[in-house]
Amino acid sequence: MTFTLGNTGSAVWSSSVAEDWSSAGVDLHLDWTRTRRPARALADALRAAIRSGQVRPGTIVPSTRALAADLGLARGTVSGVYADLAAEGY
C-alpha cells in the first residue's frame, strides 16, 4: 500500500498487519485538547480515563511509540507521561 504523507506529497509504504499482532489490546479514546502543553493534556486525559474506569487495572495500554504516532507527539513526551503516571501510582 502507498499513502501520501501530509502536504509534502512524500510516499509512505505500508503493509497490512493482522489485528491480533497489536500489543495494545485496548482501543483508547482520549478527550484532550492541544491548547495546553501536550504532556500535561495527555497526562490529564489518561488520569481521567483511569478514574472513570475506561482504563482498568491490568489493562495493556498502547506502547509509547504507537501512542506518540497516533497523537502526533514525540515518543519522549509519551514516555515521560507514562513514567510520571507510574510514579504517581497509576
N, C-alpha and C. Protein backbone atom coordinates (compact mmCIF):
# COMPACT_ATOMS: atom_id res chain seq x y z
N MET A 1 0.83 -1.17 0.00
CA MET A 1 0.00 0.00 0.00
C MET A 1 0.87 1.23 0.00
N THR A 2 0.42 2.26 -0.65
CA THR A 2 1.12 3.52 -0.66
C THR A 2 0.19 4.62 -0.19
N PHE A 3 0.66 5.45 0.70
CA PHE A 3 -0.10 6.58 1.20
C PHE A 3 0.72 7.82 0.98
N THR A 4 0.07 8.97 0.97
CA THR A 4 0.76 10.24 0.85
C THR A 4 0.86 10.87 2.22
N LEU A 5 2.02 11.40 2.53
CA LEU A 5 2.28 11.98 3.83
C LEU A 5 2.10 13.48 3.79
N GLY A 6 1.11 13.97 4.50
CA GLY A 6 0.89 15.41 4.64
C GLY A 6 0.84 16.16 3.34
N ASN A 7 1.24 17.42 3.38
CA ASN A 7 1.22 18.28 2.20
C ASN A 7 2.45 18.12 1.35
N THR A 8 3.43 17.37 1.84
CA THR A 8 4.68 17.23 1.11
C THR A 8 4.54 16.31 -0.08
N GLY A 9 3.56 15.43 -0.04
CA GLY A 9 3.38 14.50 -1.14
C GLY A 9 4.33 13.33 -1.09
N SER A 10 5.09 13.20 0.00
CA SER A 10 6.03 12.09 0.13
C SER A 10 5.26 10.78 0.24
N ALA A 11 5.75 9.76 -0.41
CA ALA A 11 5.09 8.46 -0.36
C ALA A 11 5.50 7.71 0.89
N VAL A 12 4.53 7.07 1.50
CA VAL A 12 4.77 6.25 2.67
C VAL A 12 4.32 4.84 2.32
N TRP A 13 5.19 3.87 2.48
CA TRP A 13 4.85 2.49 2.16
C TRP A 13 4.43 1.76 3.41
N SER A 14 3.41 0.94 3.28
CA SER A 14 2.89 0.21 4.42
C SER A 14 2.37 -1.14 3.96
N SER A 15 2.36 -2.08 4.84
CA SER A 15 1.75 -3.38 4.54
C SER A 15 0.78 -3.71 5.66
N SER A 16 -0.21 -4.50 5.35
CA SER A 16 -1.21 -4.86 6.34
C SER A 16 -0.62 -5.75 7.42
N VAL A 17 -1.12 -5.58 8.62
CA VAL A 17 -0.68 -6.38 9.76
C VAL A 17 -1.93 -6.96 10.40
N ALA A 18 -1.87 -8.21 10.77
CA ALA A 18 -3.02 -8.86 11.41
C ALA A 18 -3.41 -8.13 12.68
N GLU A 19 -4.71 -8.02 12.95
CA GLU A 19 -5.18 -7.31 14.14
C GLU A 19 -4.62 -7.89 15.42
N ASP A 20 -4.48 -9.20 15.49
CA ASP A 20 -4.01 -9.81 16.73
C ASP A 20 -2.53 -9.55 16.98
N TRP A 21 -1.86 -8.89 16.03
CA TRP A 21 -0.46 -8.55 16.22
C TRP A 21 -0.31 -7.36 17.17
N SER A 22 -1.33 -6.56 17.27
CA SER A 22 -1.28 -5.36 18.09
C SER A 22 -1.01 -5.72 19.55
N SER A 23 -0.14 -4.96 20.18
CA SER A 23 0.18 -5.21 21.58
C SER A 23 -0.73 -4.42 22.52
N ALA A 24 -1.48 -3.48 21.98
CA ALA A 24 -2.27 -2.61 22.84
C ALA A 24 -3.40 -3.35 23.53
N GLY A 25 -4.21 -4.07 22.78
CA GLY A 25 -5.30 -4.81 23.38
C GLY A 25 -6.45 -3.94 23.85
N VAL A 26 -6.37 -2.64 23.65
CA VAL A 26 -7.43 -1.74 24.07
C VAL A 26 -7.53 -0.60 23.06
N ASP A 27 -8.75 -0.19 22.79
CA ASP A 27 -8.98 0.95 21.92
C ASP A 27 -9.14 2.16 22.82
N LEU A 28 -8.09 2.92 22.96
CA LEU A 28 -8.05 4.03 23.90
C LEU A 28 -8.46 5.32 23.21
N HIS A 29 -9.58 5.89 23.63
CA HIS A 29 -10.05 7.16 23.09
C HIS A 29 -9.85 8.22 24.16
N LEU A 30 -9.02 9.19 23.86
CA LEU A 30 -8.73 10.24 24.83
C LEU A 30 -9.38 11.54 24.39
N ASP A 31 -10.03 12.21 25.32
CA ASP A 31 -10.61 13.51 25.05
C ASP A 31 -9.63 14.53 25.60
N TRP A 32 -8.83 15.10 24.71
CA TRP A 32 -7.85 16.06 25.16
C TRP A 32 -7.72 17.16 24.14
N THR A 33 -7.22 18.27 24.60
CA THR A 33 -7.08 19.43 23.73
C THR A 33 -5.62 19.83 23.65
N ARG A 34 -5.25 20.31 22.51
CA ARG A 34 -3.87 20.74 22.31
C ARG A 34 -3.65 22.19 22.70
N THR A 35 -4.62 22.81 23.35
CA THR A 35 -4.46 24.20 23.74
C THR A 35 -3.50 24.33 24.92
N ARG A 36 -3.31 23.25 25.63
CA ARG A 36 -2.36 23.24 26.74
C ARG A 36 -1.09 22.52 26.28
N ARG A 37 -0.11 22.47 27.16
CA ARG A 37 1.10 21.69 26.83
C ARG A 37 0.69 20.25 26.58
N PRO A 38 1.20 19.64 25.51
CA PRO A 38 0.79 18.27 25.16
C PRO A 38 1.00 17.26 26.28
N ALA A 39 2.12 17.32 26.96
CA ALA A 39 2.39 16.35 28.03
C ALA A 39 1.36 16.47 29.15
N ARG A 40 1.05 17.68 29.53
CA ARG A 40 0.08 17.89 30.61
C ARG A 40 -1.31 17.45 30.17
N ALA A 41 -1.69 17.80 28.95
CA ALA A 41 -3.00 17.43 28.43
C ALA A 41 -3.14 15.90 28.35
N LEU A 42 -2.09 15.23 27.88
CA LEU A 42 -2.13 13.78 27.78
C LEU A 42 -2.21 13.13 29.16
N ALA A 43 -1.42 13.62 30.09
CA ALA A 43 -1.44 13.07 31.45
C ALA A 43 -2.82 13.25 32.08
N ASP A 44 -3.40 14.42 31.92
CA ASP A 44 -4.74 14.67 32.48
C ASP A 44 -5.78 13.76 31.84
N ALA A 45 -5.68 13.56 30.52
CA ALA A 45 -6.64 12.69 29.82
C ALA A 45 -6.50 11.25 30.28
N LEU A 46 -5.26 10.78 30.47
CA LEU A 46 -5.05 9.40 30.93
C LEU A 46 -5.54 9.23 32.37
N ARG A 47 -5.27 10.21 33.22
CA ARG A 47 -5.78 10.14 34.60
C ARG A 47 -7.30 10.04 34.60
N ALA A 48 -7.95 10.87 33.79
CA ALA A 48 -9.41 10.86 33.72
C ALA A 48 -9.93 9.52 33.21
N ALA A 49 -9.24 8.94 32.22
CA ALA A 49 -9.66 7.64 31.68
C ALA A 49 -9.52 6.54 32.74
N ILE A 50 -8.48 6.64 33.56
CA ILE A 50 -8.28 5.65 34.63
C ILE A 50 -9.34 5.82 35.71
N ARG A 51 -9.56 7.06 36.13
CA ARG A 51 -10.55 7.32 37.19
C ARG A 51 -11.96 6.95 36.77
N SER A 52 -12.29 7.12 35.49
CA SER A 52 -13.64 6.83 35.02
C SER A 52 -13.87 5.33 34.79
N GLY A 53 -12.80 4.55 34.83
CA GLY A 53 -12.92 3.12 34.60
C GLY A 53 -12.76 2.73 33.15
N GLN A 54 -12.53 3.70 32.27
CA GLN A 54 -12.29 3.40 30.87
C GLN A 54 -11.03 2.56 30.73
N VAL A 55 -10.04 2.86 31.54
CA VAL A 55 -8.81 2.07 31.60
C VAL A 55 -8.78 1.44 32.98
N ARG A 56 -8.91 0.12 33.03
CA ARG A 56 -8.97 -0.60 34.30
C ARG A 56 -7.60 -1.13 34.68
N PRO A 57 -7.41 -1.45 35.96
CA PRO A 57 -6.13 -2.03 36.38
C PRO A 57 -5.81 -3.28 35.55
N GLY A 58 -4.58 -3.36 35.13
CA GLY A 58 -4.13 -4.50 34.34
C GLY A 58 -4.34 -4.35 32.85
N THR A 59 -5.02 -3.27 32.43
CA THR A 59 -5.21 -3.04 31.00
C THR A 59 -3.88 -2.72 30.34
N ILE A 60 -3.64 -3.34 29.23
CA ILE A 60 -2.42 -3.05 28.48
C ILE A 60 -2.67 -1.81 27.64
N VAL A 61 -1.92 -0.76 27.92
CA VAL A 61 -2.07 0.49 27.18
C VAL A 61 -1.16 0.46 25.96
N PRO A 62 -1.42 1.33 24.99
CA PRO A 62 -0.57 1.35 23.79
C PRO A 62 0.89 1.63 24.15
N SER A 63 1.78 1.13 23.33
CA SER A 63 3.20 1.41 23.54
C SER A 63 3.45 2.90 23.36
N THR A 64 4.56 3.37 23.91
CA THR A 64 4.88 4.79 23.77
C THR A 64 5.02 5.17 22.30
N ARG A 65 5.61 4.30 21.53
CA ARG A 65 5.80 4.57 20.10
C ARG A 65 4.45 4.65 19.38
N ALA A 66 3.55 3.72 19.66
CA ALA A 66 2.25 3.70 18.99
C ALA A 66 1.40 4.91 19.39
N LEU A 67 1.35 5.22 20.69
CA LEU A 67 0.54 6.34 21.14
C LEU A 67 1.10 7.66 20.62
N ALA A 68 2.41 7.79 20.63
CA ALA A 68 3.03 9.01 20.10
C ALA A 68 2.69 9.19 18.62
N ALA A 69 2.74 8.13 17.86
CA ALA A 69 2.42 8.21 16.43
C ALA A 69 0.95 8.56 16.23
N ASP A 70 0.07 7.94 17.02
CA ASP A 70 -1.37 8.21 16.90
C ASP A 70 -1.71 9.66 17.22
N LEU A 71 -1.03 10.23 18.20
CA LEU A 71 -1.35 11.58 18.65
C LEU A 71 -0.48 12.66 18.01
N GLY A 72 0.52 12.25 17.26
CA GLY A 72 1.41 13.21 16.63
C GLY A 72 2.33 13.90 17.62
N LEU A 73 2.72 13.15 18.65
CA LEU A 73 3.62 13.67 19.68
C LEU A 73 4.97 12.99 19.59
N ALA A 74 5.94 13.57 20.26
CA ALA A 74 7.26 12.93 20.35
C ALA A 74 7.15 11.73 21.30
N ARG A 75 7.89 10.69 20.98
CA ARG A 75 7.86 9.49 21.82
C ARG A 75 8.33 9.81 23.25
N GLY A 76 9.29 10.71 23.37
CA GLY A 76 9.79 11.10 24.69
C GLY A 76 8.72 11.75 25.53
N THR A 77 7.81 12.48 24.90
CA THR A 77 6.71 13.11 25.62
C THR A 77 5.81 12.03 26.23
N VAL A 78 5.46 11.04 25.43
CA VAL A 78 4.59 9.96 25.91
C VAL A 78 5.32 9.13 26.97
N SER A 79 6.59 8.84 26.76
CA SER A 79 7.38 8.09 27.75
C SER A 79 7.41 8.82 29.08
N GLY A 80 7.60 10.12 29.03
CA GLY A 80 7.63 10.92 30.24
C GLY A 80 6.30 10.90 30.98
N VAL A 81 5.21 10.98 30.21
CA VAL A 81 3.87 10.94 30.81
C VAL A 81 3.64 9.59 31.48
N TYR A 82 3.97 8.50 30.77
CA TYR A 82 3.81 7.16 31.36
C TYR A 82 4.63 7.03 32.64
N ALA A 83 5.87 7.53 32.62
CA ALA A 83 6.74 7.44 33.80
C ALA A 83 6.17 8.24 34.96
N ASP A 84 5.67 9.44 34.66
CA ASP A 84 5.10 10.28 35.72
C ASP A 84 3.86 9.62 36.33
N LEU A 85 2.99 9.06 35.47
CA LEU A 85 1.80 8.41 35.98
C LEU A 85 2.15 7.18 36.83
N ALA A 86 3.15 6.44 36.41
CA ALA A 86 3.59 5.27 37.19
C ALA A 86 4.13 5.72 38.55
N ALA A 87 4.88 6.82 38.56
CA ALA A 87 5.43 7.33 39.82
C ALA A 87 4.32 7.82 40.75
N GLU A 88 3.21 8.27 40.16
CA GLU A 88 2.07 8.73 40.96
C GLU A 88 1.19 7.57 41.44
N GLY A 89 1.50 6.36 40.98
CA GLY A 89 0.75 5.21 41.42
C GLY A 89 -0.37 4.77 40.50
N TYR A 90 -0.44 5.33 39.32
CA TYR A 90 -1.48 4.93 38.35
C TYR A 90 -1.08 3.68 37.62
